[in-house]
């Protein structure tokens, strides 16, 4: 029983390249750091996200999901050098 369960788990393992979606498979998120400022009395929130990416090959743009979110600032940090976007 345990062996058959292990084979099912192995079969269903997440594979980034095989997962459907609209974002590029050439830019892979490897870590998310989130800070959220939540107030139960408000319908909105503030926060920050630090996303570490691995770029598999050069791309013209980096796209992120942000449905119903508004960014007040963004920056790209490469080799310790920050660039405002």
Protein backbone atom coordinates (compact mmCIF):
# COMPACT_ATOMS: atom_id res chain seq x y z
CA UNK A 1 0.00 0.00 0.00
CA UNK A 2 2.74 2.46 0.94
CA UNK A 3 4.67 1.75 -2.27
CA UNK A 4 1.60 2.45 -4.42
CA UNK A 5 0.99 5.70 -2.51
CA UNK A 6 4.60 6.77 -3.13
CA UNK A 7 4.24 6.15 -6.87
CA UNK A 8 1.08 8.32 -6.97
CA UNK A 9 2.84 11.10 -5.08
CA UNK A 10 5.82 10.85 -7.44
CA UNK A 11 3.51 10.99 -10.45
CA UNK A 12 1.72 14.15 -9.23
CA UNK A 13 4.86 16.10 -8.37
CA UNK A 14 4.71 19.75 -9.40
CA UNK A 15 6.59 20.52 -12.61
CA UNK A 16 6.94 24.23 -13.37
CA UNK A 17 7.45 23.76 -17.12
CA UNK A 18 4.35 21.57 -17.48
CA UNK A 19 2.05 23.83 -15.46
CA UNK A 20 -0.32 25.84 -17.65
CA UNK A 21 -0.33 29.61 -17.36
CA UNK A 22 0.22 32.87 -19.16
CA UNK A 23 3.54 33.92 -17.65
CA UNK A 24 6.89 33.15 -19.25
CA UNK A 25 8.59 29.92 -18.30
CA UNK A 26 11.94 31.68 -18.77
CA UNK A 27 11.56 33.71 -15.56
CA UNK A 28 11.16 31.40 -12.56
CA UNK A 29 10.30 32.68 -9.07
CA UNK A 30 12.47 30.91 -6.49
CA UNK A 31 11.53 32.77 -3.28
CA UNK A 32 8.79 35.09 -2.04
CA UNK A 33 9.10 37.41 0.97
CA UNK A 34 5.84 39.15 1.91
CA UNK A 35 5.07 41.89 4.43
CA UNK A 36 1.38 42.71 4.82
CA UNK A 37 -0.14 45.53 6.86
CA UNK A 38 -3.71 44.37 7.46
CA UNK A 39 -6.50 46.26 9.21
CA UNK A 40 -9.72 44.25 9.65
CA UNK A 41 -11.72 47.51 9.59
CA UNK A 42 -10.55 48.35 6.06
CA UNK A 43 -11.27 46.76 2.68
CA UNK A 44 -7.70 47.50 1.53
CA UNK A 45 -4.21 46.63 2.73
CA UNK A 46 -0.63 47.77 2.30
CA UNK A 47 2.44 45.65 2.00
CA UNK A 48 5.62 44.77 0.21
CA UNK A 49 6.84 41.77 -1.75
CA UNK A 50 10.41 40.70 -2.39
CA UNK A 51 10.56 38.12 -5.17
CA UNK A 52 13.75 36.30 -6.09
CA UNK A 53 13.81 35.21 -9.73
CA UNK A 54 15.94 32.91 -11.82
CA UNK A 55 16.10 34.07 -15.43
CA UNK A 56 16.75 31.05 -17.64
CA UNK A 57 17.51 33.08 -20.76
CA UNK A 58 17.40 36.79 -21.65
CA UNK A 59 13.87 38.21 -21.88
CA UNK A 60 12.47 41.58 -22.98
CA UNK A 61 10.15 41.88 -19.97
CA UNK A 62 9.37 40.36 -16.60
CA UNK A 63 5.65 39.94 -15.94
CA UNK A 64 4.04 39.40 -12.55
CA UNK A 65 0.51 38.51 -11.51
CA UNK A 66 -1.06 41.53 -9.81
CA UNK A 67 -4.82 41.16 -10.25
CA UNK A 68 -6.56 44.01 -8.41
CA UNK A 69 -3.25 45.19 -6.89
CA UNK A 70 -1.58 48.56 -7.38
CA UNK A 71 2.16 49.01 -7.04
CA UNK A 72 3.44 52.31 -5.71
CA UNK A 73 7.05 51.47 -6.56
CA UNK A 74 9.19 48.70 -7.98
CA UNK A 75 12.89 48.06 -8.37
CA UNK A 76 15.09 45.45 -9.95
CA UNK A 77 18.19 44.37 -8.05
CA UNK A 78 20.90 42.62 -10.04
CA UNK A 79 24.29 41.74 -8.54
CA UNK A 80 23.57 44.07 -5.61
CA UNK A 81 22.78 47.08 -7.82
CA UNK A 82 19.22 48.44 -7.57
CA UNK A 83 17.40 50.09 -10.47
CA UNK A 84 14.02 51.82 -10.07
CA UNK A 85 11.32 50.68 -12.49
